Amino acid sequence: QSWSTVAAATEPSPTADGVLLGGDLDGIAADGSTMILSSSSGGSELETSADGGVTWSRTLGLASGGTPWSSVVFLDPQDVLAVTSAEPQVAAGSAYISTDAGQTWTELDIPG
């Protein structure tokens, strides 16, 4: 019935090599402190902010040809599920889990 702002994302910051981080805001923790951006341009990346969008770091980078992300969901404050779309001519979809609020990721083995 009503909405309130819990965090305001800032412009993503440059990495050490000068590349700007950025993408679609796909996941946000219930308290607004942790946010995850997904991007897919040449590769598929997830960038994470643990401080409400003040600073960002790339936490997952796939050399996937830019396969889009279909979903990035916080299951609880620490567990995050990220799924890439299935692209018939590029690759089958993949799923990744983080148990530390998006700081590290493990690919899930999903049978064929």
N, C-alpha and C. Protein backbone atom coordinates (compact mmCIF):
# COMPACT_ATOMS: atom_id res chain seq x y z
N GLN A 1 0.80 -1.19 0.00
CA GLN A 1 0.00 0.00 0.00
C GLN A 1 0.84 1.26 0.00
N SER A 2 2.01 1.16 0.60
CA SER A 2 2.87 2.35 0.60
C SER A 2 4.31 1.92 0.38
N TRP A 3 5.10 2.84 -0.12
CA TRP A 3 6.50 2.59 -0.43
C TRP A 3 7.36 3.65 0.23
N SER A 4 8.59 3.28 0.59
CA SER A 4 9.53 4.27 1.08
C SER A 4 10.92 3.92 0.55
N THR A 5 11.76 4.92 0.42
CA THR A 5 13.12 4.72 -0.08
C THR A 5 13.98 4.15 1.03
N VAL A 6 14.69 3.04 0.74
CA VAL A 6 15.62 2.47 1.72
C VAL A 6 17.06 2.74 1.33
N ALA A 7 17.30 3.03 0.06
CA ALA A 7 18.65 3.35 -0.40
C ALA A 7 18.54 4.03 -1.75
N ALA A 8 19.52 4.84 -2.06
CA ALA A 8 19.56 5.51 -3.36
C ALA A 8 20.87 5.16 -4.04
N ALA A 9 20.78 4.44 -5.13
CA ALA A 9 22.00 4.04 -5.85
C ALA A 9 22.68 5.26 -6.44
N THR A 10 23.99 5.27 -6.36
CA THR A 10 24.79 6.34 -6.95
C THR A 10 25.26 5.90 -8.31
N GLU A 11 25.90 6.80 -9.03
CA GLU A 11 26.55 6.40 -10.28
C GLU A 11 27.63 5.40 -9.92
N PRO A 12 27.69 4.27 -10.62
CA PRO A 12 28.76 3.32 -10.34
C PRO A 12 30.13 3.96 -10.54
N SER A 13 31.09 3.47 -9.78
CA SER A 13 32.42 4.08 -9.78
C SER A 13 33.36 3.34 -10.73
N PRO A 14 34.43 4.02 -11.16
CA PRO A 14 35.39 3.37 -12.06
C PRO A 14 36.19 2.28 -11.34
N THR A 15 36.55 1.25 -12.09
CA THR A 15 37.42 0.22 -11.54
C THR A 15 38.86 0.68 -11.67
N ALA A 16 39.80 -0.15 -11.21
CA ALA A 16 41.22 0.21 -11.27
C ALA A 16 41.68 0.47 -12.70
N ASP A 17 41.07 -0.23 -13.68
CA ASP A 17 41.47 -0.02 -15.06
C ASP A 17 40.65 1.07 -15.76
N GLY A 18 39.86 1.82 -14.99
CA GLY A 18 39.12 2.94 -15.54
C GLY A 18 37.78 2.59 -16.16
N VAL A 19 37.40 1.33 -16.15
CA VAL A 19 36.12 0.92 -16.72
C VAL A 19 35.01 1.24 -15.73
N LEU A 20 33.96 1.89 -16.21
CA LEU A 20 32.84 2.18 -15.32
C LEU A 20 31.99 0.95 -15.09
N LEU A 21 31.67 0.72 -13.83
CA LEU A 21 30.74 -0.34 -13.50
C LEU A 21 29.33 0.20 -13.70
N GLY A 22 28.43 -0.62 -14.18
CA GLY A 22 27.05 -0.17 -14.34
C GLY A 22 26.19 -1.24 -14.94
N GLY A 23 24.90 -1.09 -14.84
CA GLY A 23 23.98 -2.06 -15.38
C GLY A 23 22.59 -1.82 -14.83
N ASP A 24 21.80 -2.88 -14.79
CA ASP A 24 20.45 -2.81 -14.27
C ASP A 24 20.45 -3.19 -12.80
N LEU A 25 19.77 -2.40 -11.98
CA LEU A 25 19.64 -2.74 -10.56
C LEU A 25 18.67 -3.91 -10.47
N ASP A 26 19.20 -5.11 -10.21
CA ASP A 26 18.39 -6.32 -10.24
C ASP A 26 18.10 -6.90 -8.87
N GLY A 27 18.94 -6.67 -7.91
CA GLY A 27 18.73 -7.25 -6.59
C GLY A 27 19.01 -6.23 -5.52
N ILE A 28 18.18 -6.22 -4.50
CA ILE A 28 18.41 -5.32 -3.37
C ILE A 28 17.95 -6.02 -2.10
N ALA A 29 18.81 -6.00 -1.08
CA ALA A 29 18.46 -6.62 0.19
C ALA A 29 17.30 -5.87 0.82
N ALA A 30 16.54 -6.54 1.65
CA ALA A 30 15.36 -5.93 2.26
C ALA A 30 15.68 -4.67 3.03
N ASP A 31 16.87 -4.58 3.63
CA ASP A 31 17.22 -3.39 4.39
C ASP A 31 17.86 -2.30 3.52
N GLY A 32 18.08 -2.59 2.23
CA GLY A 32 18.61 -1.59 1.32
C GLY A 32 20.11 -1.41 1.37
N SER A 33 20.80 -2.13 2.24
CA SER A 33 22.24 -1.92 2.37
C SER A 33 23.03 -2.56 1.24
N THR A 34 22.59 -3.71 0.75
CA THR A 34 23.30 -4.41 -0.31
C THR A 34 22.49 -4.38 -1.59
N MET A 35 23.17 -4.01 -2.68
CA MET A 35 22.52 -3.94 -3.99
C MET A 35 23.39 -4.66 -5.01
N ILE A 36 22.74 -5.23 -6.01
CA ILE A 36 23.47 -5.92 -7.07
C ILE A 36 22.98 -5.42 -8.42
N LEU A 37 23.93 -4.97 -9.24
CA LEU A 37 23.66 -4.57 -10.62
C LEU A 37 24.06 -5.72 -11.53
N SER A 38 23.27 -5.94 -12.56
CA SER A 38 23.67 -6.92 -13.57
C SER A 38 23.89 -6.19 -14.88
N SER A 39 24.88 -6.65 -15.63
CA SER A 39 25.12 -6.07 -16.95
C SER A 39 25.53 -7.19 -17.90
N SER A 40 25.26 -6.97 -19.17
CA SER A 40 25.62 -7.97 -20.17
C SER A 40 25.94 -7.25 -21.47
N SER A 41 27.22 -7.04 -21.68
CA SER A 41 27.69 -6.40 -22.89
C SER A 41 29.08 -6.94 -23.17
N GLY A 42 29.17 -7.96 -24.00
CA GLY A 42 30.44 -8.62 -24.26
C GLY A 42 30.73 -9.71 -23.25
N GLY A 43 30.27 -9.54 -22.05
CA GLY A 43 30.37 -10.53 -20.98
C GLY A 43 29.17 -10.32 -20.09
N SER A 44 29.01 -11.15 -19.10
CA SER A 44 27.90 -11.00 -18.16
C SER A 44 28.51 -10.76 -16.78
N GLU A 45 28.18 -9.62 -16.18
CA GLU A 45 28.80 -9.25 -14.92
C GLU A 45 27.75 -8.95 -13.85
N LEU A 46 28.18 -9.16 -12.60
CA LEU A 46 27.41 -8.71 -11.45
C LEU A 46 28.32 -7.78 -10.66
N GLU A 47 27.80 -6.62 -10.30
CA GLU A 47 28.52 -5.65 -9.49
C GLU A 47 27.75 -5.44 -8.21
N THR A 48 28.44 -5.41 -7.09
CA THR A 48 27.81 -5.40 -5.78
C THR A 48 28.22 -4.18 -4.97
N SER A 49 27.24 -3.61 -4.28
CA SER A 49 27.50 -2.55 -3.31
C SER A 49 27.00 -3.03 -1.96
N ALA A 50 27.84 -2.96 -0.95
CA ALA A 50 27.46 -3.36 0.40
C ALA A 50 27.18 -2.16 1.29
N ASP A 51 27.20 -0.95 0.69
CA ASP A 51 27.02 0.26 1.49
C ASP A 51 25.95 1.19 0.91
N GLY A 52 24.88 0.59 0.41
CA GLY A 52 23.75 1.38 -0.07
C GLY A 52 24.02 2.11 -1.37
N GLY A 53 24.99 1.65 -2.15
CA GLY A 53 25.27 2.25 -3.45
C GLY A 53 26.38 3.27 -3.47
N VAL A 54 27.08 3.45 -2.35
CA VAL A 54 28.17 4.43 -2.30
C VAL A 54 29.37 3.92 -3.09
N THR A 55 29.76 2.67 -2.88
CA THR A 55 30.87 2.08 -3.63
C THR A 55 30.41 0.76 -4.26
N TRP A 56 31.07 0.38 -5.35
CA TRP A 56 30.71 -0.82 -6.12
C TRP A 56 31.94 -1.63 -6.45
N SER A 57 31.78 -2.95 -6.56
CA SER A 57 32.87 -3.80 -7.03
C SER A 57 32.28 -4.92 -7.89
N ARG A 58 33.03 -5.31 -8.92
CA ARG A 58 32.61 -6.42 -9.76
C ARG A 58 32.88 -7.70 -8.99
N THR A 59 31.82 -8.49 -8.74
CA THR A 59 31.96 -9.70 -7.95
C THR A 59 31.81 -10.97 -8.77
N LEU A 60 31.31 -10.85 -10.01
CA LEU A 60 31.24 -12.00 -10.91
C LEU A 60 31.33 -11.50 -12.33
N GLY A 61 32.23 -12.08 -13.10
CA GLY A 61 32.39 -11.72 -14.51
C GLY A 61 32.49 -12.98 -15.35
N LEU A 62 31.58 -13.12 -16.30
CA LEU A 62 31.56 -14.29 -17.17
C LEU A 62 31.89 -13.87 -18.59
N ALA A 63 32.74 -14.62 -19.26
CA ALA A 63 33.04 -14.38 -20.67
C ALA A 63 31.99 -15.10 -21.49
N SER A 64 30.77 -14.58 -21.46
CA SER A 64 29.63 -15.31 -22.01
C SER A 64 29.10 -14.73 -23.31
N GLY A 65 29.78 -13.75 -23.86
CA GLY A 65 29.24 -13.10 -25.05
C GLY A 65 28.08 -12.18 -24.74
N GLY A 66 27.90 -11.84 -23.48
CA GLY A 66 26.86 -10.91 -23.09
C GLY A 66 25.50 -11.54 -22.86
N THR A 67 25.49 -12.80 -22.42
CA THR A 67 24.22 -13.46 -22.09
C THR A 67 23.52 -12.66 -21.00
N PRO A 68 22.26 -12.27 -21.22
CA PRO A 68 21.57 -11.46 -20.21
C PRO A 68 21.22 -12.26 -18.95
N TRP A 69 21.07 -11.53 -17.87
CA TRP A 69 20.63 -12.11 -16.61
C TRP A 69 19.10 -12.13 -16.62
N SER A 70 18.51 -13.26 -16.25
CA SER A 70 17.05 -13.31 -16.19
C SER A 70 16.54 -13.00 -14.80
N SER A 71 17.39 -13.20 -13.77
CA SER A 71 16.92 -12.96 -12.41
C SER A 71 18.10 -12.84 -11.45
N VAL A 72 17.99 -11.91 -10.52
CA VAL A 72 18.92 -11.80 -9.40
C VAL A 72 18.03 -11.55 -8.18
N VAL A 73 18.00 -12.52 -7.25
CA VAL A 73 17.03 -12.47 -6.16
C VAL A 73 17.72 -12.73 -4.82
N PHE A 74 17.46 -11.85 -3.85
CA PHE A 74 17.89 -12.09 -2.48
C PHE A 74 16.89 -13.05 -1.85
N LEU A 75 17.37 -14.23 -1.43
CA LEU A 75 16.51 -15.20 -0.75
C LEU A 75 16.36 -14.83 0.72
N ASP A 76 17.37 -14.23 1.27
CA ASP A 76 17.41 -13.66 2.61
C ASP A 76 18.58 -12.68 2.60
N PRO A 77 18.92 -12.03 3.70
CA PRO A 77 19.97 -11.00 3.64
C PRO A 77 21.34 -11.48 3.14
N GLN A 78 21.65 -12.76 3.25
CA GLN A 78 22.96 -13.27 2.85
C GLN A 78 22.94 -14.10 1.57
N ASP A 79 21.85 -14.79 1.30
CA ASP A 79 21.79 -15.73 0.18
C ASP A 79 21.15 -15.07 -1.04
N VAL A 80 21.88 -15.11 -2.16
CA VAL A 80 21.43 -14.49 -3.40
C VAL A 80 21.53 -15.51 -4.52
N LEU A 81 20.50 -15.57 -5.35
CA LEU A 81 20.48 -16.45 -6.51
C LEU A 81 20.50 -15.59 -7.76
N ALA A 82 21.39 -15.92 -8.70
CA ALA A 82 21.49 -15.20 -9.98
C ALA A 82 21.41 -16.22 -11.11
N VAL A 83 20.56 -15.93 -12.10
CA VAL A 83 20.34 -16.86 -13.21
C VAL A 83 20.49 -16.11 -14.52
N THR A 84 21.28 -16.70 -15.44
CA THR A 84 21.39 -16.12 -16.77
C THR A 84 20.29 -16.71 -17.66
N SER A 85 19.94 -15.96 -18.68
CA SER A 85 18.94 -16.43 -19.64
C SER A 85 19.55 -17.50 -20.52
N ALA A 86 18.71 -18.39 -21.00
CA ALA A 86 19.15 -19.37 -21.99
C ALA A 86 19.13 -18.70 -23.35
N GLU A 87 20.24 -18.72 -24.02
CA GLU A 87 20.35 -18.14 -25.37
C GLU A 87 20.63 -19.28 -26.33
N PRO A 88 19.70 -19.65 -27.17
CA PRO A 88 19.86 -20.84 -28.01
C PRO A 88 21.16 -20.90 -28.81
N GLN A 89 21.66 -19.77 -29.31
CA GLN A 89 22.87 -19.79 -30.12
C GLN A 89 24.12 -19.45 -29.33
N VAL A 90 23.96 -19.11 -28.06
CA VAL A 90 25.12 -18.74 -27.25
C VAL A 90 25.42 -19.81 -26.20
N ALA A 91 24.48 -20.03 -25.31
CA ALA A 91 24.70 -20.98 -24.21
C ALA A 91 23.39 -21.26 -23.50
N ALA A 92 23.38 -22.34 -22.78
CA ALA A 92 22.24 -22.63 -21.91
C ALA A 92 22.32 -21.70 -20.70
N GLY A 93 21.21 -21.51 -20.05
CA GLY A 93 21.20 -20.68 -18.85
C GLY A 93 22.06 -21.30 -17.76
N SER A 94 22.58 -20.45 -16.88
CA SER A 94 23.40 -20.88 -15.76
C SER A 94 22.84 -20.26 -14.49
N ALA A 95 23.12 -20.88 -13.36
CA ALA A 95 22.67 -20.34 -12.08
C ALA A 95 23.86 -20.26 -11.13
N TYR A 96 23.87 -19.21 -10.33
CA TYR A 96 24.96 -18.95 -9.38
C TYR A 96 24.34 -18.61 -8.03
N ILE A 97 25.00 -19.04 -6.96
CA ILE A 97 24.52 -18.75 -5.61
C ILE A 97 25.63 -18.03 -4.84
N SER A 98 25.22 -17.07 -4.05
CA SER A 98 26.13 -16.39 -3.13
C SER A 98 25.56 -16.56 -1.73
N THR A 99 26.42 -16.91 -0.79
CA THR A 99 25.98 -17.05 0.60
C THR A 99 26.56 -15.93 1.47
N ASP A 100 27.17 -14.92 0.81
CA ASP A 100 27.75 -13.79 1.55
C ASP A 100 27.30 -12.46 0.93
N ALA A 101 26.03 -12.38 0.61
CA ALA A 101 25.40 -11.14 0.10
C ALA A 101 26.04 -10.64 -1.19
N GLY A 102 26.42 -11.57 -2.07
CA GLY A 102 26.92 -11.19 -3.38
C GLY A 102 28.39 -10.91 -3.48
N GLN A 103 29.17 -11.17 -2.43
CA GLN A 103 30.61 -10.91 -2.49
C GLN A 103 31.36 -11.99 -3.27
N THR A 104 30.91 -13.25 -3.14
CA THR A 104 31.49 -14.35 -3.90
C THR A 104 30.35 -15.21 -4.44
N TRP A 105 30.63 -15.92 -5.55
CA TRP A 105 29.59 -16.69 -6.24
C TRP A 105 30.10 -18.08 -6.55
N THR A 106 29.18 -19.06 -6.51
CA THR A 106 29.46 -20.44 -6.88
C THR A 106 28.44 -20.86 -7.93
N GLU A 107 28.94 -21.43 -9.05
CA GLU A 107 28.02 -21.90 -10.08
C GLU A 107 27.32 -23.16 -9.58
N LEU A 108 26.02 -23.22 -9.78
CA LEU A 108 25.25 -24.40 -9.40
C LEU A 108 25.27 -25.42 -10.53
N ASP A 109 25.38 -26.67 -10.19
CA ASP A 109 25.36 -27.74 -11.17
C ASP A 109 23.91 -28.13 -11.40
N ILE A 110 23.40 -27.74 -12.55
CA ILE A 110 22.00 -28.04 -12.88
C ILE A 110 21.99 -29.08 -13.99
N PRO A 111 21.50 -30.28 -13.70
CA PRO A 111 21.50 -31.32 -14.71
C PRO A 111 20.65 -30.93 -15.92
N GLY A 112 21.16 -31.32 -17.12
CA GLY A 112 20.63 -31.07 -18.42
C GLY A 112 19.23 -30.97 -18.69
